[in-house]
Amino acid sequence: MNQKKAVIFDLDQTLLDRTTSLKKFLRWQINFFQLVPTMKKEFFIQRFLELDDNGKIWKDRVYEQLIHEFSITHVSQNTLLASYINDFNKFSCCFQNVENTIIKLKEQGYLIGLISNGRTPFQEHNFYALGLTEFFSSIIVSEAVGLRKPDPAIFLLSCRQLNVSPQDCTFVGDNELADIQGAKAVGMKTIFFHPDPRISSLMADANLHDYATLIETIENL
């Protein structure tokens, strides 16, 4: 590969299987703090996911509502929030075939970057726990740089850190507005990821449902 090419990823629900990770964490947290009886565990998890709204709502508000709904009196909102911040990363897991694909991308000479909307150092710790850091030449979390996707500036910052032009970048993400529209606006190629083959994007240049086909998808753009 003569000309430097880059692949830049979103984190939550793109590399990190956030829903699976969150369910694993919540089962542990419910047991550890004895939050609800066994019969109510799955309902508690379901309500957390609904209130969380795919990570859009910060967890202080989520726990405040759950404490009210489930009449939890022995553990405070702050204690549960601190546990979420400190312990969630212990349950972080990738989607299937992510690790092998990242290694192959690196072996083929691609530069690899990450842009995540989220809080710092929380998102960094979730990413580090995946064990992929050594393959990434740029890691950007929105709060740390004062920018958020779809702001073009955050995509251009990643390009500067990777020393590539946007036209030589492919962005992989799961959010049509933040990821796909944002990346396309600066001239990047875009791949929409969703593990469910029934869910695709008409806006993205390509769709991805299994990381085993990512390199082929990039080469066909």
N, C-alpha and C. Protein backbone atom coordinates (compact mmCIF):
# COMPACT_ATOMS: atom_id res chain seq x y z
N MET A 1 0.86 -1.18 0.00
CA MET A 1 0.00 0.00 0.00
C MET A 1 0.90 1.24 0.00
N ASN A 2 1.00 1.90 -1.15
CA ASN A 2 1.89 3.05 -1.26
C ASN A 2 1.33 4.28 -0.56
N GLN A 3 0.11 4.65 -0.93
CA GLN A 3 -0.53 5.80 -0.31
C GLN A 3 -1.09 5.37 1.04
N LYS A 4 -0.86 6.16 2.07
CA LYS A 4 -1.35 5.80 3.40
C LYS A 4 -2.88 5.86 3.42
N LYS A 5 -3.48 4.79 3.87
CA LYS A 5 -4.94 4.71 4.01
C LYS A 5 -5.27 4.49 5.48
N ALA A 6 -6.41 5.00 5.89
CA ALA A 6 -6.80 4.87 7.29
C ALA A 6 -8.22 4.36 7.42
N VAL A 7 -8.45 3.61 8.48
CA VAL A 7 -9.80 3.19 8.86
C VAL A 7 -10.03 3.72 10.27
N ILE A 8 -11.10 4.50 10.43
CA ILE A 8 -11.41 5.12 11.72
C ILE A 8 -12.73 4.54 12.22
N PHE A 9 -12.76 4.16 13.47
CA PHE A 9 -13.93 3.50 14.05
C PHE A 9 -14.58 4.35 15.13
N ASP A 10 -15.90 4.23 15.21
CA ASP A 10 -16.65 4.61 16.41
C ASP A 10 -16.40 3.50 17.45
N LEU A 11 -16.78 3.75 18.71
CA LEU A 11 -16.57 2.73 19.75
C LEU A 11 -17.86 1.99 20.09
N ASP A 12 -18.81 2.68 20.76
CA ASP A 12 -20.01 2.00 21.27
C ASP A 12 -20.88 1.47 20.15
N GLN A 13 -21.21 0.20 20.24
CA GLN A 13 -22.04 -0.51 19.27
C GLN A 13 -21.40 -0.58 17.88
N THR A 14 -20.09 -0.33 17.83
CA THR A 14 -19.35 -0.49 16.58
C THR A 14 -18.21 -1.47 16.81
N LEU A 15 -17.23 -1.11 17.64
CA LEU A 15 -16.22 -2.08 18.08
C LEU A 15 -16.69 -2.76 19.37
N LEU A 16 -17.11 -1.93 20.32
CA LEU A 16 -17.58 -2.43 21.61
C LEU A 16 -19.04 -2.86 21.51
N ASP A 17 -19.31 -4.11 21.83
CA ASP A 17 -20.69 -4.58 21.91
C ASP A 17 -21.27 -4.06 23.22
N ARG A 18 -21.72 -2.81 23.16
CA ARG A 18 -22.10 -2.12 24.39
C ARG A 18 -23.30 -2.78 25.07
N THR A 19 -24.27 -3.22 24.29
CA THR A 19 -25.47 -3.81 24.89
C THR A 19 -25.12 -5.07 25.66
N THR A 20 -24.34 -5.95 25.07
CA THR A 20 -23.93 -7.18 25.75
C THR A 20 -23.07 -6.86 26.97
N SER A 21 -22.13 -5.93 26.80
CA SER A 21 -21.27 -5.53 27.92
C SER A 21 -22.10 -4.96 29.06
N LEU A 22 -23.07 -4.12 28.72
CA LEU A 22 -23.91 -3.48 29.73
C LEU A 22 -24.75 -4.50 30.48
N LYS A 23 -25.31 -5.46 29.78
CA LYS A 23 -26.12 -6.49 30.43
C LYS A 23 -25.27 -7.31 31.40
N LYS A 24 -24.04 -7.66 30.99
CA LYS A 24 -23.15 -8.41 31.87
C LYS A 24 -22.82 -7.60 33.12
N PHE A 25 -22.51 -6.31 32.91
CA PHE A 25 -22.20 -5.45 34.05
C PHE A 25 -23.39 -5.33 34.99
N LEU A 26 -24.57 -5.11 34.44
CA LEU A 26 -25.75 -4.91 35.29
C LEU A 26 -26.09 -6.15 36.10
N ARG A 27 -25.92 -7.33 35.51
CA ARG A 27 -26.17 -8.56 36.28
C ARG A 27 -25.21 -8.64 37.46
N TRP A 28 -23.95 -8.27 37.22
CA TRP A 28 -22.98 -8.26 38.32
C TRP A 28 -23.37 -7.20 39.35
N GLN A 29 -23.71 -5.99 38.91
CA GLN A 29 -24.00 -4.91 39.84
C GLN A 29 -25.24 -5.21 40.69
N ILE A 30 -26.26 -5.78 40.05
CA ILE A 30 -27.47 -6.15 40.79
C ILE A 30 -27.13 -7.14 41.89
N ASN A 31 -26.31 -8.14 41.57
CA ASN A 31 -25.94 -9.15 42.56
C ASN A 31 -25.05 -8.56 43.66
N PHE A 32 -24.08 -7.76 43.23
CA PHE A 32 -23.11 -7.22 44.19
C PHE A 32 -23.78 -6.32 45.23
N PHE A 33 -24.67 -5.47 44.76
CA PHE A 33 -25.34 -4.52 45.67
C PHE A 33 -26.70 -5.02 46.14
N GLN A 34 -27.09 -6.24 45.70
CA GLN A 34 -28.38 -6.80 46.10
C GLN A 34 -29.50 -5.79 45.86
N LEU A 35 -29.58 -5.32 44.62
CA LEU A 35 -30.48 -4.21 44.30
C LEU A 35 -31.95 -4.62 44.26
N VAL A 36 -32.21 -5.75 43.63
CA VAL A 36 -33.61 -6.21 43.50
C VAL A 36 -33.65 -7.72 43.67
N PRO A 37 -34.82 -8.27 44.01
CA PRO A 37 -34.97 -9.73 44.11
C PRO A 37 -34.73 -10.39 42.75
N THR A 38 -34.42 -11.68 42.78
CA THR A 38 -34.12 -12.43 41.57
C THR A 38 -35.21 -12.28 40.51
N MET A 39 -36.46 -12.29 40.93
CA MET A 39 -37.57 -12.22 39.98
C MET A 39 -37.62 -10.89 39.24
N LYS A 40 -36.97 -9.87 39.78
CA LYS A 40 -37.04 -8.54 39.15
C LYS A 40 -35.76 -8.15 38.41
N LYS A 41 -34.77 -9.04 38.39
CA LYS A 41 -33.48 -8.70 37.78
C LYS A 41 -33.61 -8.31 36.31
N GLU A 42 -34.27 -9.15 35.53
CA GLU A 42 -34.37 -8.89 34.09
C GLU A 42 -35.19 -7.64 33.81
N PHE A 43 -36.19 -7.38 34.63
CA PHE A 43 -37.00 -6.17 34.45
C PHE A 43 -36.15 -4.93 34.77
N PHE A 44 -35.31 -5.03 35.80
CA PHE A 44 -34.41 -3.92 36.15
C PHE A 44 -33.47 -3.63 34.98
N ILE A 45 -32.91 -4.68 34.39
CA ILE A 45 -32.00 -4.51 33.25
C ILE A 45 -32.73 -3.89 32.07
N GLN A 46 -33.94 -4.36 31.81
CA GLN A 46 -34.74 -3.82 30.71
C GLN A 46 -35.01 -2.33 30.91
N ARG A 47 -35.35 -1.94 32.13
CA ARG A 47 -35.64 -0.53 32.42
C ARG A 47 -34.38 0.31 32.30
N PHE A 48 -33.24 -0.24 32.73
CA PHE A 48 -31.98 0.50 32.59
C PHE A 48 -31.72 0.79 31.12
N LEU A 49 -31.86 -0.23 30.26
CA LEU A 49 -31.62 -0.06 28.83
C LEU A 49 -32.57 0.96 28.22
N GLU A 50 -33.82 0.95 28.66
CA GLU A 50 -34.80 1.91 28.14
C GLU A 50 -34.42 3.34 28.56
N LEU A 51 -34.10 3.51 29.83
CA LEU A 51 -33.75 4.84 30.35
C LEU A 51 -32.43 5.34 29.79
N ASP A 52 -31.49 4.43 29.57
CA ASP A 52 -30.16 4.75 29.06
C ASP A 52 -30.22 5.26 27.62
N ASP A 53 -31.18 4.74 26.84
CA ASP A 53 -31.40 5.18 25.46
C ASP A 53 -30.10 5.12 24.64
N ASN A 54 -29.51 3.93 24.62
CA ASN A 54 -28.26 3.71 23.85
C ASN A 54 -27.14 4.66 24.26
N GLY A 55 -27.08 4.97 25.54
CA GLY A 55 -25.97 5.79 26.06
C GLY A 55 -26.19 7.28 25.96
N LYS A 56 -27.35 7.70 25.45
CA LYS A 56 -27.59 9.14 25.29
C LYS A 56 -27.82 9.84 26.63
N ILE A 57 -28.32 9.09 27.61
CA ILE A 57 -28.65 9.67 28.92
C ILE A 57 -27.56 9.28 29.92
N TRP A 58 -26.97 10.28 30.60
CA TRP A 58 -25.93 9.96 31.55
C TRP A 58 -26.52 9.23 32.74
N LYS A 59 -25.71 8.39 33.36
CA LYS A 59 -26.21 7.40 34.30
C LYS A 59 -26.68 7.96 35.63
N ASP A 60 -26.33 9.21 35.99
CA ASP A 60 -26.87 9.76 37.24
C ASP A 60 -28.39 9.83 37.16
N ARG A 61 -28.90 10.24 36.01
CA ARG A 61 -30.35 10.33 35.84
C ARG A 61 -30.99 8.95 35.74
N VAL A 62 -30.29 8.02 35.10
CA VAL A 62 -30.81 6.66 34.98
C VAL A 62 -30.95 6.02 36.36
N TYR A 63 -29.89 6.11 37.16
CA TYR A 63 -29.94 5.49 38.50
C TYR A 63 -30.95 6.21 39.41
N GLU A 64 -31.06 7.51 39.28
CA GLU A 64 -32.04 8.24 40.09
C GLU A 64 -33.45 7.71 39.83
N GLN A 65 -33.78 7.49 38.56
CA GLN A 65 -35.10 6.98 38.20
C GLN A 65 -35.29 5.54 38.66
N LEU A 66 -34.25 4.71 38.51
CA LEU A 66 -34.36 3.32 38.91
C LEU A 66 -34.52 3.18 40.42
N ILE A 67 -33.80 3.98 41.17
CA ILE A 67 -33.92 3.96 42.63
C ILE A 67 -35.35 4.28 43.04
N HIS A 68 -35.95 5.24 42.33
CA HIS A 68 -37.34 5.61 42.61
C HIS A 68 -38.29 4.48 42.23
N GLU A 69 -38.14 3.94 41.01
CA GLU A 69 -39.08 2.93 40.52
C GLU A 69 -39.02 1.64 41.31
N PHE A 70 -37.81 1.25 41.75
CA PHE A 70 -37.66 -0.04 42.43
C PHE A 70 -37.54 0.12 43.95
N SER A 71 -37.79 1.34 44.42
CA SER A 71 -37.79 1.62 45.87
C SER A 71 -36.53 1.12 46.55
N ILE A 72 -35.39 1.47 45.97
CA ILE A 72 -34.09 1.07 46.53
C ILE A 72 -33.67 2.08 47.58
N THR A 73 -33.46 1.63 48.81
CA THR A 73 -33.16 2.56 49.90
C THR A 73 -31.78 2.33 50.52
N HIS A 74 -31.16 1.18 50.26
CA HIS A 74 -29.92 0.83 50.96
C HIS A 74 -28.66 1.21 50.18
N VAL A 75 -28.81 1.66 48.93
CA VAL A 75 -27.66 2.06 48.11
C VAL A 75 -27.99 3.39 47.46
N SER A 76 -27.04 4.30 47.47
CA SER A 76 -27.29 5.64 46.92
C SER A 76 -27.02 5.70 45.42
N GLN A 77 -27.60 6.70 44.80
CA GLN A 77 -27.36 6.97 43.38
C GLN A 77 -25.88 7.17 43.11
N ASN A 78 -25.20 7.90 43.98
CA ASN A 78 -23.77 8.17 43.79
C ASN A 78 -22.93 6.90 43.86
N THR A 79 -23.30 5.99 44.74
CA THR A 79 -22.57 4.72 44.86
C THR A 79 -22.71 3.90 43.59
N LEU A 80 -23.92 3.84 43.05
CA LEU A 80 -24.16 3.06 41.84
C LEU A 80 -23.47 3.71 40.63
N LEU A 81 -23.50 5.04 40.58
CA LEU A 81 -22.83 5.75 39.49
C LEU A 81 -21.32 5.52 39.55
N ALA A 82 -20.74 5.60 40.74
CA ALA A 82 -19.30 5.37 40.90
C ALA A 82 -18.94 3.95 40.47
N SER A 83 -19.80 2.99 40.80
CA SER A 83 -19.57 1.61 40.39
C SER A 83 -19.61 1.49 38.87
N TYR A 84 -20.57 2.16 38.25
CA TYR A 84 -20.66 2.13 36.78
C TYR A 84 -19.38 2.68 36.15
N ILE A 85 -18.93 3.82 36.65
CA ILE A 85 -17.73 4.46 36.09
C ILE A 85 -16.50 3.58 36.27
N ASN A 86 -16.38 2.96 37.44
CA ASN A 86 -15.17 2.21 37.77
C ASN A 86 -15.18 0.76 37.30
N ASP A 87 -16.37 0.18 37.19
CA ASP A 87 -16.45 -1.27 36.97
C ASP A 87 -16.95 -1.69 35.60
N PHE A 88 -17.61 -0.79 34.86
CA PHE A 88 -18.17 -1.20 33.56
C PHE A 88 -17.11 -1.81 32.65
N ASN A 89 -15.92 -1.19 32.63
CA ASN A 89 -14.88 -1.64 31.70
C ASN A 89 -14.46 -3.10 31.93
N LYS A 90 -14.70 -3.60 33.13
CA LYS A 90 -14.34 -5.01 33.42
C LYS A 90 -15.20 -5.98 32.61
N PHE A 91 -16.29 -5.47 32.04
CA PHE A 91 -17.22 -6.32 31.29
C PHE A 91 -17.23 -5.97 29.80
N SER A 92 -16.32 -5.07 29.38
CA SER A 92 -16.27 -4.66 27.97
C SER A 92 -15.92 -5.83 27.07
N CYS A 93 -16.66 -5.97 25.99
CA CYS A 93 -16.37 -7.02 25.01
C CYS A 93 -16.64 -6.52 23.60
N CYS A 94 -15.88 -7.06 22.66
CA CYS A 94 -16.00 -6.68 21.24
C CYS A 94 -17.12 -7.48 20.56
N PHE A 95 -17.54 -6.98 19.41
CA PHE A 95 -18.34 -7.81 18.53
C PHE A 95 -17.46 -8.92 17.95
N GLN A 96 -18.10 -9.96 17.46
CA GLN A 96 -17.38 -11.11 16.91
C GLN A 96 -16.49 -10.67 15.74
N ASN A 97 -15.31 -11.23 15.69
CA ASN A 97 -14.33 -11.04 14.61
C ASN A 97 -13.66 -9.67 14.58
N VAL A 98 -13.92 -8.82 15.58
CA VAL A 98 -13.29 -7.50 15.60
C VAL A 98 -11.77 -7.62 15.75
N GLU A 99 -11.32 -8.38 16.72
CA GLU A 99 -9.89 -8.43 17.03
C GLU A 99 -9.07 -8.93 15.84
N ASN A 100 -9.50 -10.04 15.24
CA ASN A 100 -8.76 -10.58 14.10
C ASN A 100 -8.73 -9.60 12.93
N THR A 101 -9.84 -8.89 12.73
CA THR A 101 -9.92 -7.96 11.61
C THR A 101 -9.01 -6.75 11.84
N ILE A 102 -8.97 -6.25 13.07
CA ILE A 102 -8.08 -5.12 13.39
C ILE A 102 -6.62 -5.53 13.15
N ILE A 103 -6.25 -6.71 13.56
CA ILE A 103 -4.88 -7.20 13.36
C ILE A 103 -4.56 -7.29 11.87
N LYS A 104 -5.49 -7.80 11.08
CA LYS A 104 -5.28 -7.93 9.64
C LYS A 104 -5.16 -6.56 8.97
N LEU A 105 -5.99 -5.59 9.40
CA LEU A 105 -5.89 -4.23 8.86
C LEU A 105 -4.49 -3.66 9.10
N LYS A 106 -4.00 -3.85 10.32
CA LYS A 106 -2.67 -3.34 10.66
C LYS A 106 -1.60 -4.04 9.82
N GLU A 107 -1.72 -5.34 9.67
CA GLU A 107 -0.75 -6.10 8.88
C GLU A 107 -0.73 -5.65 7.42
N GLN A 108 -1.89 -5.21 6.93
CA GLN A 108 -1.98 -4.77 5.54
C GLN A 108 -1.57 -3.31 5.36
N GLY A 109 -1.15 -2.66 6.43
CA GLY A 109 -0.61 -1.32 6.32
C GLY A 109 -1.58 -0.19 6.55
N TYR A 110 -2.81 -0.50 6.94
CA TYR A 110 -3.77 0.56 7.24
C TYR A 110 -3.41 1.25 8.55
N LEU A 111 -3.59 2.57 8.58
CA LEU A 111 -3.57 3.30 9.84
C LEU A 111 -4.95 3.17 10.47
N ILE A 112 -5.01 3.07 11.79
CA ILE A 112 -6.28 2.81 12.46
C ILE A 112 -6.51 3.86 13.53
N GLY A 113 -7.73 4.42 13.54
CA GLY A 113 -8.08 5.44 14.52
C GLY A 113 -9.42 5.18 15.17
N LEU A 114 -9.68 5.92 16.24
CA LEU A 114 -10.93 5.81 16.99
C LEU A 114 -11.46 7.21 17.28
N ILE A 115 -12.75 7.43 17.05
CA ILE A 115 -13.41 8.66 17.49
C ILE A 115 -14.67 8.25 18.23
N SER A 116 -14.75 8.59 19.51
CA SER A 116 -15.91 8.22 20.33
C SER A 116 -16.51 9.45 21.00
N ASN A 117 -17.82 9.61 20.85
CA ASN A 117 -18.52 10.60 21.65
C ASN A 117 -18.71 10.03 23.05
N GLY A 118 -18.23 10.74 24.06
CA GLY A 118 -18.41 10.22 25.41
C GLY A 118 -17.53 10.94 26.41
N ARG A 119 -17.57 10.44 27.61
CA ARG A 119 -16.85 11.06 28.72
C ARG A 119 -15.47 10.44 28.89
N THR A 120 -14.58 11.25 29.43
CA THR A 120 -13.22 10.81 29.67
C THR A 120 -12.96 10.83 31.18
N PRO A 121 -12.24 9.86 31.76
CA PRO A 121 -11.55 8.74 31.09
C PRO A 121 -12.42 7.49 30.92
N PHE A 122 -13.72 7.62 31.14
CA PHE A 122 -14.61 6.46 31.09
C PHE A 122 -14.49 5.71 29.76
N GLN A 123 -14.62 6.45 28.64
CA GLN A 123 -14.57 5.79 27.34
C GLN A 123 -13.19 5.19 27.05
N GLU A 124 -12.14 5.91 27.43
CA GLU A 124 -10.80 5.37 27.22
C GLU A 124 -10.65 4.03 27.92
N HIS A 125 -11.12 3.95 29.16
CA HIS A 125 -10.98 2.70 29.93
C HIS A 125 -11.78 1.57 29.29
N ASN A 126 -12.97 1.89 28.77
CA ASN A 126 -13.77 0.86 28.09
C ASN A 126 -13.04 0.35 26.85
N PHE A 127 -12.38 1.27 26.15
CA PHE A 127 -11.63 0.89 24.95
C PHE A 127 -10.38 0.10 25.31
N TYR A 128 -9.62 0.57 26.30
CA TYR A 128 -8.40 -0.13 26.70
C TYR A 128 -8.70 -1.57 27.09
N ALA A 129 -9.87 -1.78 27.71
CA ALA A 129 -10.23 -3.12 28.19
C ALA A 129 -10.41 -4.11 27.05
N LEU A 130 -10.61 -3.61 25.84
CA LEU A 130 -10.77 -4.51 24.69
C LEU A 130 -9.44 -5.11 24.24
N GLY A 131 -8.33 -4.50 24.67
CA GLY A 131 -7.01 -5.03 24.35
C GLY A 131 -6.54 -4.74 22.93
N LEU A 132 -7.04 -3.65 22.34
CA LEU A 132 -6.70 -3.32 20.95
C LEU A 132 -5.85 -2.07 20.81
N THR A 133 -5.53 -1.43 21.91
CA THR A 133 -4.90 -0.11 21.88
C THR A 133 -3.64 -0.07 21.03
N GLU A 134 -2.84 -1.11 21.08
CA GLU A 134 -1.54 -1.10 20.39
C GLU A 134 -1.68 -0.96 18.87
N PHE A 135 -2.85 -1.26 18.33
CA PHE A 135 -3.05 -1.21 16.88
C PHE A 135 -3.54 0.17 16.40
N PHE A 136 -3.87 1.05 17.34
CA PHE A 136 -4.48 2.34 17.00
C PHE A 136 -3.45 3.46 17.09
N SER A 137 -3.38 4.27 16.03
CA SER A 137 -2.44 5.40 15.99
C SER A 137 -3.08 6.70 16.47
N SER A 138 -4.40 6.72 16.62
CA SER A 138 -5.11 7.90 17.11
C SER A 138 -6.34 7.45 17.88
N ILE A 139 -6.50 7.97 19.10
CA ILE A 139 -7.67 7.66 19.94
C ILE A 139 -8.24 8.98 20.44
N ILE A 140 -9.45 9.30 20.01
CA ILE A 140 -10.06 10.59 20.36
C ILE A 140 -11.40 10.34 21.06
N VAL A 141 -11.56 10.90 22.26
CA VAL A 141 -12.83 10.89 22.98
C VAL A 141 -13.33 12.32 23.07
N SER A 142 -14.59 12.53 22.74
CA SER A 142 -15.12 13.87 22.52
C SER A 142 -14.89 14.82 23.71
N GLU A 143 -15.17 14.37 24.92
CA GLU A 143 -15.04 15.27 26.07
C GLU A 143 -13.60 15.76 26.23
N ALA A 144 -12.64 14.90 25.91
CA ALA A 144 -11.23 15.25 26.10
C ALA A 144 -10.78 16.35 25.14
N VAL A 145 -11.42 16.44 23.97
CA VAL A 145 -10.99 17.43 22.97
C VAL A 145 -11.98 18.56 22.78
N GLY A 146 -13.12 18.49 23.50
CA GLY A 146 -14.11 19.57 23.40
C GLY A 146 -14.85 19.61 22.08
N LEU A 147 -14.93 18.48 21.41
CA LEU A 147 -15.64 18.38 20.13
C LEU A 147 -16.47 17.11 20.15
N ARG A 148 -17.57 17.10 19.38
CA ARG A 148 -18.41 15.91 19.29
C ARG A 148 -18.79 15.65 17.85
N LYS A 149 -18.83 14.37 17.47
CA LYS A 149 -19.42 14.02 16.18
C LYS A 149 -20.88 14.48 16.18
N PRO A 150 -21.41 15.03 15.11
CA PRO A 150 -20.88 15.07 13.74
C PRO A 150 -20.08 16.33 13.38
N ASP A 151 -19.59 17.07 14.36
CA ASP A 151 -18.78 18.25 14.07
C ASP A 151 -17.62 17.87 13.15
N PRO A 152 -17.49 18.51 11.98
CA PRO A 152 -16.39 18.16 11.07
C PRO A 152 -15.02 18.26 11.73
N ALA A 153 -14.89 19.16 12.73
CA ALA A 153 -13.57 19.40 13.34
C ALA A 153 -13.01 18.15 14.01
N ILE A 154 -13.86 17.30 14.55
CA ILE A 154 -13.34 16.12 15.25
C ILE A 154 -12.83 15.07 14.26
N PHE A 155 -13.46 15.00 13.09
CA PHE A 155 -12.99 14.09 12.04
C PHE A 155 -11.67 14.60 11.46
N LEU A 156 -11.59 15.91 11.27
CA LEU A 156 -10.36 16.48 10.73
C LEU A 156 -9.20 16.37 11.72
N LEU A 157 -9.51 16.44 13.02
CA LEU A 157 -8.48 16.24 14.03
C LEU A 157 -7.91 14.83 13.94
N SER A 158 -8.77 13.87 13.74
CA SER A 158 -8.30 12.49 13.59
C SER A 158 -7.39 12.36 12.37
N CYS A 159 -7.77 13.01 11.28
CA CYS A 159 -6.94 12.98 10.06
C CYS A 159 -5.56 13.57 10.32
N ARG A 160 -5.53 14.67 11.06
CA ARG A 160 -4.24 15.30 11.36
C ARG A 160 -3.38 14.37 12.21
N GLN A 161 -3.99 13.73 13.19
CA GLN A 161 -3.22 12.83 14.05
C GLN A 161 -2.70 11.62 13.27
N LEU A 162 -3.46 11.19 12.27
CA LEU A 162 -3.05 10.05 11.46
C LEU A 162 -2.19 10.47 10.27
N ASN A 163 -2.16 11.78 10.02
CA ASN A 163 -1.40 12.33 8.89
C ASN A 163 -1.90 11.79 7.55
N VAL A 164 -3.21 11.82 7.39
CA VAL A 164 -3.85 11.40 6.13
C VAL A 164 -4.92 12.42 5.75
N SER A 165 -5.31 12.43 4.50
CA SER A 165 -6.40 13.28 4.06
C SER A 165 -7.72 12.55 4.26
N PRO A 166 -8.83 13.29 4.44
CA PRO A 166 -10.13 12.63 4.62
C PRO A 166 -10.48 11.68 3.47
N GLN A 167 -10.04 12.02 2.26
CA GLN A 167 -10.35 11.18 1.10
C GLN A 167 -9.69 9.80 1.18
N ASP A 168 -8.68 9.68 2.02
CA ASP A 168 -8.00 8.40 2.20
C ASP A 168 -8.45 7.67 3.45
N CYS A 169 -9.58 8.10 4.01
CA CYS A 169 -10.12 7.50 5.24
C CYS A 169 -11.46 6.82 4.98
N THR A 170 -11.66 5.73 5.68
CA THR A 170 -12.98 5.09 5.75
C THR A 170 -13.43 5.11 7.19
N PHE A 171 -14.64 5.62 7.43
CA PHE A 171 -15.17 5.66 8.79
C PHE A 171 -16.22 4.57 8.96
N VAL A 172 -16.10 3.84 10.07
CA VAL A 172 -17.04 2.75 10.39
C VAL A 172 -17.79 3.13 11.65
N GLY A 173 -19.12 3.20 11.57
CA GLY A 173 -19.91 3.57 12.74
C GLY A 173 -21.33 3.07 12.65
N ASP A 174 -22.06 3.24 13.75
CA ASP A 174 -23.43 2.71 13.83
C ASP A 174 -24.49 3.79 13.87
N ASN A 175 -24.07 5.06 13.86
CA ASN A 175 -25.03 6.16 14.01
C ASN A 175 -25.07 6.96 12.71
N GLU A 176 -26.23 7.02 12.08
CA GLU A 176 -26.33 7.67 10.76
C GLU A 176 -26.02 9.16 10.82
N LEU A 177 -26.41 9.82 11.90
CA LEU A 177 -26.15 11.26 12.00
C LEU A 177 -24.71 11.52 12.43
N ALA A 178 -24.34 11.04 13.60
CA ALA A 178 -23.02 11.35 14.17
C ALA A 178 -21.89 10.77 13.35
N ASP A 179 -22.05 9.51 12.92
CA ASP A 179 -20.96 8.80 12.24
C ASP A 179 -20.99 8.97 10.73
N ILE A 180 -22.09 8.58 10.13
CA ILE A 180 -22.15 8.52 8.66
C ILE A 180 -22.22 9.92 8.05
N GLN A 181 -23.18 10.73 8.48
CA GLN A 181 -23.28 12.09 7.95
C GLN A 181 -22.04 12.90 8.29
N GLY A 182 -21.57 12.76 9.52
CA GLY A 182 -20.41 13.52 9.96
C GLY A 182 -19.18 13.21 9.13
N ALA A 183 -18.92 11.93 8.90
CA ALA A 183 -17.73 11.53 8.14
C ALA A 183 -17.86 11.90 6.67
N LYS A 184 -19.06 11.72 6.10
CA LYS A 184 -19.26 12.05 4.69
C LYS A 184 -19.07 13.55 4.45
N ALA A 185 -19.42 14.36 5.43
CA ALA A 185 -19.34 15.81 5.27
C ALA A 185 -17.91 16.30 5.06
N VAL A 186 -16.92 15.53 5.54
CA VAL A 186 -15.52 15.94 5.36
C VAL A 186 -14.85 15.17 4.22
N GLY A 187 -15.61 14.30 3.55
CA GLY A 187 -15.06 13.60 2.40
C GLY A 187 -14.59 12.19 2.64
N MET A 188 -14.90 11.64 3.81
CA MET A 188 -14.52 10.25 4.09
C MET A 188 -15.51 9.28 3.46
N LYS A 189 -15.05 8.08 3.14
CA LYS A 189 -15.94 6.99 2.78
C LYS A 189 -16.56 6.47 4.08
N THR A 190 -17.74 5.89 3.98
CA THR A 190 -18.45 5.49 5.20
C THR A 190 -19.00 4.07 5.10
N ILE A 191 -18.91 3.38 6.23
CA ILE A 191 -19.48 2.04 6.37
C ILE A 191 -20.36 2.03 7.61
N PHE A 192 -21.62 1.67 7.44
CA PHE A 192 -22.57 1.57 8.55
C PHE A 192 -22.53 0.15 9.10
N PHE A 193 -22.28 0.03 10.42
CA PHE A 193 -22.24 -1.29 11.03
C PHE A 193 -23.48 -1.54 11.88
N HIS A 194 -24.07 -2.70 11.70
CA HIS A 194 -25.11 -3.19 12.61
C HIS A 194 -25.07 -4.71 12.57
N PRO A 195 -25.05 -5.38 13.73
CA PRO A 195 -24.95 -6.84 13.74
C PRO A 195 -26.17 -7.54 13.16
N ASP A 196 -27.29 -6.84 13.08
CA ASP A 196 -28.52 -7.42 12.54
C ASP A 196 -28.58 -7.15 11.03
N PRO A 197 -28.51 -8.17 10.19
CA PRO A 197 -28.52 -7.98 8.73
C PRO A 197 -29.77 -7.29 8.21
N ARG A 198 -30.81 -7.24 9.03
CA ARG A 198 -32.06 -6.59 8.59
C ARG A 198 -31.99 -5.07 8.70
N ILE A 199 -30.95 -4.57 9.39
CA ILE A 199 -30.84 -3.13 9.62
C ILE A 199 -29.66 -2.58 8.82
N SER A 200 -29.96 -1.69 7.89
CA SER A 200 -28.93 -1.12 7.01
C SER A 200 -29.14 0.38 6.86
N SER A 201 -28.17 1.03 6.27
CA SER A 201 -28.23 2.47 6.01
C SER A 201 -28.24 2.71 4.51
N LEU A 202 -29.13 3.58 4.06
CA LEU A 202 -29.15 3.99 2.66
C LEU A 202 -28.16 5.11 2.42
N MET A 203 -27.75 5.76 3.49
CA MET A 203 -26.87 6.92 3.38
C MET A 203 -25.40 6.53 3.26
N ALA A 204 -25.01 5.46 3.92
CA ALA A 204 -23.60 5.05 3.94
C ALA A 204 -23.17 4.50 2.58
N ASP A 205 -21.86 4.51 2.34
CA ASP A 205 -21.34 3.94 1.09
C ASP A 205 -21.44 2.42 1.07
N ALA A 206 -21.46 1.81 2.25
CA ALA A 206 -21.59 0.36 2.34
C ALA A 206 -22.13 0.00 3.71
N ASN A 207 -22.65 -1.22 3.83
CA ASN A 207 -23.16 -1.72 5.10
C ASN A 207 -22.35 -2.95 5.51
N LEU A 208 -22.19 -3.10 6.83
CA LEU A 208 -21.40 -4.20 7.40
C LEU A 208 -22.20 -4.85 8.51
N HIS A 209 -22.26 -6.17 8.48
CA HIS A 209 -22.97 -6.91 9.53
C HIS A 209 -22.07 -7.93 10.22
N ASP A 210 -20.89 -8.18 9.65
CA ASP A 210 -19.95 -9.13 10.23
C ASP A 210 -18.55 -8.63 9.93
N TYR A 211 -17.74 -8.46 10.96
CA TYR A 211 -16.39 -7.92 10.78
C TYR A 211 -15.50 -8.81 9.92
N ALA A 212 -15.88 -10.06 9.74
CA ALA A 212 -15.09 -10.95 8.89
C ALA A 212 -15.04 -10.44 7.45
N THR A 213 -16.01 -9.61 7.06
CA THR A 213 -16.07 -9.10 5.68
C THR A 213 -15.64 -7.64 5.58
N LEU A 214 -15.10 -7.06 6.65
CA LEU A 214 -14.79 -5.63 6.63
C LEU A 214 -13.73 -5.26 5.59
N ILE A 215 -12.63 -5.99 5.55
CA ILE A 215 -11.54 -5.63 4.63
C ILE A 215 -12.01 -5.71 3.19
N GLU A 216 -12.76 -6.75 2.87
CA GLU A 216 -13.32 -6.87 1.52
C GLU A 216 -14.25 -5.70 1.22
N THR A 217 -15.04 -5.30 2.21
CA THR A 217 -15.97 -4.18 2.02
C THR A 217 -15.21 -2.89 1.75
N ILE A 218 -14.14 -2.66 2.50
CA ILE A 218 -13.31 -1.45 2.32
C ILE A 218 -12.69 -1.44 0.91
N GLU A 219 -12.17 -2.57 0.50
CA GLU A 219 -11.51 -2.66 -0.81
C GLU A 219 -12.48 -2.46 -1.97
N ASN A 220 -13.76 -2.72 -1.73
CA ASN A 220 -14.76 -2.58 -2.79
C ASN A 220 -15.37 -1.18 -2.87
N LEU A 221 -15.00 -0.31 -1.93
CA LEU A 221 -15.56 1.05 -1.95
C LEU A 221 -15.01 1.85 -3.13
